[in-house]
Amino acid sequence: MSAGATGVLSGALFGPNADEVGALWSVNEGSGANGKTAFGMFGATKQ
């Protein structure tokens, strides 16, 4: 990916005391056969 790539991160806190978090992310550069995309997700719980 180059510095011109764009992306999105969206997530939220969950649980009665906001002790958990979950999010999805993606980064895109270009389109079609030569485009690049990276994506993922994460979650965590307070210990």
N, C-alpha and C. Protein backbone atom coordinates (compact mmCIF):
# COMPACT_ATOMS: atom_id res chain seq x y z
N MET A 1 0.84 -1.17 0.00
CA MET A 1 0.00 0.00 0.00
C MET A 1 0.88 1.24 0.00
N SER A 2 0.41 2.25 -0.68
CA SER A 2 1.13 3.52 -0.72
C SER A 2 0.47 4.52 0.22
N ALA A 3 1.05 5.68 0.33
CA ALA A 3 0.49 6.74 1.17
C ALA A 3 -0.86 7.21 0.65
N GLY A 4 -1.21 6.91 -0.59
CA GLY A 4 -2.49 7.32 -1.16
C GLY A 4 -3.64 6.39 -0.86
N ALA A 5 -3.40 5.30 -0.15
CA ALA A 5 -4.46 4.36 0.19
C ALA A 5 -5.44 5.01 1.16
N THR A 6 -6.70 4.58 1.07
CA THR A 6 -7.73 5.10 1.99
C THR A 6 -8.34 3.93 2.74
N GLY A 7 -8.94 4.23 3.89
CA GLY A 7 -9.50 3.15 4.67
C GLY A 7 -10.60 3.58 5.61
N VAL A 8 -11.13 2.58 6.30
CA VAL A 8 -12.24 2.78 7.23
C VAL A 8 -11.98 1.94 8.47
N LEU A 9 -12.29 2.48 9.62
CA LEU A 9 -12.27 1.77 10.89
C LEU A 9 -13.57 2.06 11.59
N SER A 10 -14.33 1.02 11.93
CA SER A 10 -15.57 1.24 12.67
C SER A 10 -15.68 0.18 13.75
N GLY A 11 -16.13 0.61 14.91
CA GLY A 11 -16.23 -0.31 16.03
C GLY A 11 -17.14 0.24 17.10
N ALA A 12 -17.25 -0.54 18.18
CA ALA A 12 -18.12 -0.14 19.28
C ALA A 12 -17.68 -0.82 20.56
N LEU A 13 -18.13 -0.24 21.66
CA LEU A 13 -17.94 -0.84 22.97
C LEU A 13 -19.20 -1.63 23.31
N PHE A 14 -19.02 -2.75 24.00
CA PHE A 14 -20.14 -3.63 24.33
C PHE A 14 -20.10 -4.01 25.80
N GLY A 15 -21.21 -4.57 26.28
CA GLY A 15 -21.29 -5.03 27.65
C GLY A 15 -21.87 -3.97 28.56
N PRO A 16 -22.32 -4.38 29.75
CA PRO A 16 -22.96 -3.44 30.66
C PRO A 16 -22.03 -2.33 31.15
N ASN A 17 -20.73 -2.58 31.19
CA ASN A 17 -19.77 -1.56 31.62
C ASN A 17 -18.78 -1.19 30.53
N ALA A 18 -19.16 -1.44 29.28
CA ALA A 18 -18.28 -1.19 28.13
C ALA A 18 -16.92 -1.86 28.31
N ASP A 19 -16.95 -3.10 28.80
CA ASP A 19 -15.73 -3.87 29.06
C ASP A 19 -15.22 -4.61 27.83
N GLU A 20 -15.97 -4.58 26.73
CA GLU A 20 -15.59 -5.30 25.52
C GLU A 20 -15.61 -4.33 24.33
N VAL A 21 -14.75 -4.61 23.35
CA VAL A 21 -14.67 -3.79 22.15
C VAL A 21 -14.61 -4.72 20.93
N GLY A 22 -15.19 -4.29 19.84
CA GLY A 22 -15.11 -5.01 18.58
C GLY A 22 -15.03 -4.01 17.45
N ALA A 23 -14.25 -4.32 16.42
CA ALA A 23 -14.12 -3.39 15.31
C ALA A 23 -13.76 -4.12 14.02
N LEU A 24 -14.10 -3.49 12.91
CA LEU A 24 -13.74 -3.93 11.56
C LEU A 24 -12.95 -2.82 10.90
N TRP A 25 -11.94 -3.19 10.08
CA TRP A 25 -11.16 -2.19 9.37
C TRP A 25 -10.90 -2.66 7.95
N SER A 26 -10.69 -1.71 7.04
CA SER A 26 -10.31 -2.03 5.67
C SER A 26 -9.50 -0.87 5.08
N VAL A 27 -8.58 -1.21 4.19
CA VAL A 27 -7.76 -0.24 3.48
C VAL A 27 -7.80 -0.62 2.01
N ASN A 28 -8.03 0.36 1.14
CA ASN A 28 -8.13 0.12 -0.30
C ASN A 28 -7.20 1.06 -1.07
N GLU A 29 -6.67 0.52 -2.15
CA GLU A 29 -5.85 1.32 -3.06
C GLU A 29 -6.11 0.84 -4.48
N GLY A 30 -6.57 1.73 -5.33
CA GLY A 30 -6.85 1.35 -6.71
C GLY A 30 -8.11 0.52 -6.82
N SER A 31 -8.39 0.02 -8.03
CA SER A 31 -9.57 -0.80 -8.26
C SER A 31 -9.30 -1.78 -9.39
N GLY A 32 -10.22 -2.67 -9.61
CA GLY A 32 -10.09 -3.65 -10.67
C GLY A 32 -9.00 -4.68 -10.39
N ALA A 33 -8.45 -5.24 -11.46
CA ALA A 33 -7.46 -6.32 -11.34
C ALA A 33 -6.17 -5.85 -10.66
N ASN A 34 -5.85 -4.57 -10.74
CA ASN A 34 -4.62 -4.06 -10.14
C ASN A 34 -4.83 -3.42 -8.77
N GLY A 35 -6.05 -3.46 -8.26
CA GLY A 35 -6.34 -2.87 -6.96
C GLY A 35 -5.83 -3.74 -5.82
N LYS A 36 -5.65 -3.12 -4.67
CA LYS A 36 -5.21 -3.83 -3.47
C LYS A 36 -6.20 -3.54 -2.35
N THR A 37 -6.49 -4.55 -1.55
CA THR A 37 -7.37 -4.40 -0.40
C THR A 37 -6.82 -5.20 0.76
N ALA A 38 -6.86 -4.63 1.94
CA ALA A 38 -6.53 -5.34 3.18
C ALA A 38 -7.68 -5.10 4.14
N PHE A 39 -8.06 -6.12 4.91
CA PHE A 39 -9.15 -5.96 5.85
C PHE A 39 -8.97 -6.90 7.03
N GLY A 40 -9.65 -6.58 8.10
CA GLY A 40 -9.57 -7.43 9.28
C GLY A 40 -10.56 -7.00 10.34
N MET A 41 -10.48 -7.71 11.45
CA MET A 41 -11.36 -7.42 12.59
C MET A 41 -10.61 -7.72 13.86
N PHE A 42 -11.07 -7.14 14.96
CA PHE A 42 -10.50 -7.47 16.25
C PHE A 42 -11.54 -7.31 17.33
N GLY A 43 -11.30 -7.98 18.41
CA GLY A 43 -12.15 -7.88 19.58
C GLY A 43 -11.30 -8.04 20.83
N ALA A 44 -11.73 -7.45 21.92
CA ALA A 44 -10.98 -7.56 23.16
C ALA A 44 -11.95 -7.43 24.35
N THR A 45 -11.54 -8.04 25.46
CA THR A 45 -12.28 -7.97 26.70
C THR A 45 -11.37 -7.48 27.80
N LYS A 46 -11.87 -6.55 28.61
CA LYS A 46 -11.10 -6.04 29.74
C LYS A 46 -10.90 -7.17 30.76
N GLN A 47 -9.70 -7.28 31.28
CA GLN A 47 -9.42 -8.33 32.26
C GLN A 47 -9.21 -7.76 33.63
